[in-house]
Protein backbone atom coordinates (compact mmCIF):
# COMPACT_ATOMS: atom_id res chain seq x y z
CA UNK A 1 -65.46 -78.48 65.52
CA UNK A 2 -62.27 -78.93 63.67
CA UNK A 3 -59.42 -80.80 64.96
CA UNK A 4 -55.86 -79.73 65.37
CA UNK A 5 -54.89 -81.20 62.05
CA UNK A 6 -57.51 -79.53 60.13
CA UNK A 7 -56.54 -76.23 62.07
CA UNK A 8 -53.04 -76.45 60.52
CA UNK A 9 -54.47 -77.12 56.98
CA UNK A 10 -56.46 -74.24 57.09
CA UNK A 11 -53.84 -71.69 58.48
CA UNK A 12 -51.72 -73.12 55.83
CA UNK A 13 -54.15 -72.22 52.90
CA UNK A 14 -54.77 -69.06 54.07
CA UNK A 15 -51.03 -68.11 54.14
CA UNK A 16 -50.33 -69.30 50.60
CA UNK A 17 -53.82 -67.70 49.16
CA UNK A 18 -53.89 -65.11 46.74
CA UNK A 19 -55.35 -62.59 49.30
CA UNK A 20 -52.45 -63.16 51.53
CA UNK A 21 -50.85 -59.76 52.87
CA UNK A 22 -47.02 -59.36 52.36
CA UNK A 23 -45.04 -58.40 55.52
CA UNK A 24 -44.68 -54.81 55.91
CA UNK A 25 -40.98 -55.40 56.07
CA UNK A 26 -40.85 -57.09 52.72
CA UNK A 27 -42.36 -54.11 50.89
CA UNK A 28 -40.16 -51.48 52.83
CA UNK A 29 -37.06 -53.62 51.30
CA UNK A 30 -38.18 -53.46 47.80
CA UNK A 31 -38.87 -49.79 47.83
CA UNK A 32 -35.42 -49.05 49.01
CA UNK A 33 -33.61 -50.92 46.34
CA UNK A 34 -31.57 -48.98 43.95
CA UNK A 35 -32.93 -49.11 40.54
CA UNK A 36 -30.70 -50.75 38.15
CA UNK A 37 -30.11 -50.32 34.29
CA UNK A 38 -29.78 -46.95 32.45
CA UNK A 39 -30.24 -43.42 33.93
CA UNK A 40 -33.59 -41.66 33.61
CA UNK A 41 -34.17 -40.28 30.23
CA UNK A 42 -35.04 -36.91 30.07
CA UNK A 43 -38.48 -35.84 28.89
CA UNK A 44 -39.56 -35.70 25.46
CA UNK A 45 -39.44 -31.99 24.90
CA UNK A 46 -36.24 -31.65 26.32
CA UNK A 47 -34.67 -34.14 24.12
CA UNK A 48 -35.99 -32.57 21.05
CA UNK A 49 -34.77 -29.27 22.24
CA UNK A 50 -31.05 -30.50 22.74
CA UNK A 51 -31.22 -32.10 19.50
CA UNK A 52 -32.49 -29.29 17.28
CA UNK A 53 -30.09 -26.69 19.07
CA UNK A 54 -27.04 -25.89 17.02
CA UNK A 55 -23.59 -25.62 18.71
CA UNK A 56 -22.73 -21.99 19.04
CA UNK A 57 -20.63 -20.65 15.96
CA UNK A 58 -17.15 -19.20 16.93
CA UNK A 59 -17.49 -15.29 16.47
CA UNK A 60 -16.07 -14.20 13.04
CA UNK A 61 -12.42 -13.34 13.32
CA UNK A 62 -11.86 -9.78 12.01
CA UNK A 63 -8.97 -9.42 9.38
CA UNK A 64 -6.96 -6.81 10.15
CA UNK A 65 -7.11 -4.18 7.44
CA UNK A 66 -4.35 -3.90 4.79
CA UNK A 67 -1.81 -1.23 5.75
CA UNK A 68 -1.03 0.05 2.44
CA UNK A 69 2.25 1.30 2.30
CA UNK A 70 2.16 4.61 0.14
CA UNK A 71 3.13 4.15 -3.52
CA UNK A 72 6.63 5.11 -4.39
CA UNK A 73 5.91 7.74 -6.82
CA UNK A 74 8.13 7.43 -10.00
CA UNK A 75 6.54 10.27 -11.97
CA UNK A 76 8.16 13.28 -10.18
CA UNK A 77 11.32 13.75 -12.52
CA UNK A 78 14.70 15.28 -11.97
CA UNK A 79 14.78 18.05 -14.36
CA UNK A 80 17.93 19.25 -16.23
CA UNK A 81 18.18 22.53 -18.09
CA UNK A 82 20.68 22.31 -20.86
CA UNK A 83 21.91 25.19 -23.21
CA UNK A 84 24.91 23.48 -24.70
CA UNK A 85 27.53 25.23 -22.33
CA UNK A 86 30.13 23.00 -20.46
CA UNK A 87 28.47 23.65 -17.16
CA UNK A 88 25.13 22.69 -18.42
CA UNK A 89 26.78 19.70 -19.96
CA UNK A 90 28.03 18.84 -16.27
CA UNK A 91 24.72 19.74 -14.86
CA UNK A 92 23.24 17.01 -17.49
CA UNK A 93 25.56 14.32 -16.31
CA UNK A 94 24.67 15.29 -12.65
CA UNK A 95 20.92 15.19 -12.89
CA UNK A 96 21.30 12.11 -15.00
CA UNK A 97 23.06 10.24 -12.00
CA UNK A 98 20.82 11.68 -9.24
CA UNK A 99 17.58 10.19 -11.42
CA UNK A 100 19.23 6.93 -11.44
CA UNK A 101 19.94 7.04 -7.67
CA UNK A 102 16.63 8.34 -6.78
CA UNK A 103 14.58 5.95 -9.38
CA UNK A 104 13.09 8.82 -10.74
CA UNK A 105 12.93 9.78 -14.57
CA UNK A 106 14.91 12.36 -16.27
CA UNK A 107 13.27 15.34 -17.92
CA UNK A 108 15.78 17.36 -20.24
CA UNK A 109 14.42 20.68 -20.88
CA UNK A 110 15.69 23.04 -23.56
CA UNK A 111 14.83 26.35 -23.80
CA UNK A 112 14.62 28.15 -27.22
CA UNK A 113 14.59 31.88 -27.19
CA UNK A 114 12.23 33.39 -29.95
CA UNK A 115 14.60 35.92 -30.97
CA UNK A 116 17.59 37.24 -29.07
CA UNK A 117 20.73 39.00 -29.49
CA UNK A 118 24.11 37.98 -28.39
CA UNK A 119 25.20 40.43 -25.72
CA UNK A 120 28.72 40.61 -26.73
CA UNK A 121 28.46 40.59 -30.25
CA UNK A 122 24.97 41.83 -30.85
CA UNK A 123 24.40 39.23 -33.44
CA UNK A 124 21.01 38.22 -33.89
CA UNK A 125 20.00 34.60 -32.85
CA UNK A 126 16.84 32.89 -33.79
CA UNK A 127 15.42 29.34 -33.41
CA UNK A 128 16.68 27.21 -36.20
CA UNK A 129 15.74 23.76 -35.08
CA UNK A 130 12.45 22.18 -34.88
CA UNK A 131 11.45 20.10 -32.09
CA UNK A 132 12.41 16.56 -33.25
CA UNK A 133 15.74 17.44 -34.51
CA UNK A 134 16.31 19.35 -30.86
CA UNK A 135 15.28 16.05 -29.25
CA UNK A 136 17.74 13.92 -31.03
CA UNK A 137 20.27 16.52 -30.46
CA UNK A 138 19.81 16.61 -26.43
CA UNK A 139 19.49 12.69 -26.68
CA UNK A 140 23.06 12.73 -28.40
CA UNK A 141 24.55 15.24 -25.75
CA UNK A 142 23.17 13.10 -23.04
CA UNK A 143 24.95 9.88 -24.26
CA UNK A 144 28.09 11.70 -24.42
CA UNK A 145 28.21 12.17 -20.80
CA UNK A 146 25.82 9.41 -19.39
CA UNK A 147 24.92 5.89 -19.81
CA UNK A 148 21.31 6.08 -20.45
CA UNK A 149 20.51 2.49 -20.19
CA UNK A 150 17.53 1.71 -18.20
CA UNK A 151 16.87 5.17 -17.52
CA UNK A 152 13.64 6.79 -18.31
CA UNK A 153 14.22 9.89 -20.31
CA UNK A 154 12.06 12.50 -21.80
CA UNK A 155 12.86 15.74 -23.78
CA UNK A 156 11.13 18.66 -23.43
CA UNK A 157 11.50 21.97 -25.83
CA UNK A 158 10.26 25.27 -24.54
CA UNK A 159 10.24 28.91 -26.18
CA UNK A 160 10.68 32.28 -24.07
CA UNK A 161 12.76 33.28 -20.82
CA UNK A 162 14.99 30.49 -19.91
CA UNK A 163 14.50 30.97 -16.24
CA UNK A 164 10.67 31.31 -16.29
CA UNK A 165 10.41 28.30 -18.55
CA UNK A 166 12.85 26.00 -16.63
CA UNK A 167 10.69 26.73 -13.52
CA UNK A 168 7.39 26.34 -15.33
CA UNK A 169 8.56 22.92 -16.70
CA UNK A 170 9.51 22.18 -13.17
CA UNK A 171 6.23 22.86 -11.64
CA UNK A 172 4.02 21.38 -14.34
CA UNK A 173 6.04 17.97 -13.95
CA UNK A 174 5.93 18.27 -9.94
CA UNK A 175 9.80 17.88 -10.46
CA UNK A 176 11.95 16.62 -7.30
CA UNK A 177 14.92 18.70 -8.33
CA UNK A 178 15.84 21.23 -11.01
CA UNK A 179 19.67 20.80 -12.01
CA UNK A 180 21.24 23.63 -13.99
CA UNK A 181 24.84 24.71 -14.80
CA UNK A 182 26.58 27.62 -13.33
CA UNK A 183 26.90 30.95 -15.31
CA UNK A 184 30.24 30.99 -17.44
CA UNK A 185 30.24 34.76 -18.23
CA UNK A 186 30.82 37.72 -15.65
CA UNK A 187 28.03 39.73 -16.97
CA UNK A 188 25.59 37.21 -15.67
CA UNK A 189 26.67 38.03 -12.13
CA UNK A 190 26.02 41.74 -12.87
CA UNK A 191 22.60 41.78 -14.75
CA UNK A 192 21.46 38.62 -13.28
CA UNK A 193 21.72 34.69 -14.04
CA UNK A 194 19.43 31.96 -14.69
CA UNK A 195 20.21 30.14 -11.53
CA UNK A 196 20.22 32.96 -9.39
CA UNK A 197 16.56 33.85 -10.31
CA UNK A 198 15.50 29.96 -9.95
CA UNK A 199 17.03 29.76 -6.60
CA UNK A 200 14.61 32.50 -5.77
CA UNK A 201 11.51 31.77 -7.57
CA UNK A 202 11.22 27.97 -8.24
CA UNK A 203 9.20 25.59 -6.25
CA UNK A 204 11.42 22.67 -5.94
CA UNK A 205 15.10 22.36 -4.94
CA UNK A 206 17.61 23.97 -7.17
CA UNK A 207 21.11 22.50 -7.87
CA UNK A 208 23.82 24.55 -9.54
CA UNK A 209 26.44 22.56 -11.00
CA UNK A 210 29.99 24.28 -11.90
């Protein structure tokens, strides 16, 4: 039999041996301890998904459409009918000033009748100038009544009935206005005048200058 001292040694060896069990309280305390260090990392699949996912691109901004202003049309001229009379010279000066104010070119139209007779004298009148000479004459007449510097001026010579040819020239050029001189002879008011016919048949505003 073992003595009391041997019993104490045997008990001490059993408590410190490899097979000694931990008290239940000690194991529970270890499980309840908070984990230290970095937080749990996501799984490998979730991490790869986040690394390959591109940030959402902002929606493409729609630029407003260009609001194009209607082009300022400078091709529609102011037409001046000229026949050499005093009133047509006044009309020429007025038409040139109007074209400059509106920013339009000036179209100077001279209608040459084929063969006609002077109503009062019966004298036969025919066309004696060619187009180049007529153009030089018309521009010289314009220079006497208006300073055409910076003004686009073109000259057109037509043959036929003055009223109809002036109306045709205004239509073909899409004229903004047609300016003519008032009739100077009383018989025009009886037999009909070019301004009166144009006022009834022209397709653009007709301005009669005395």
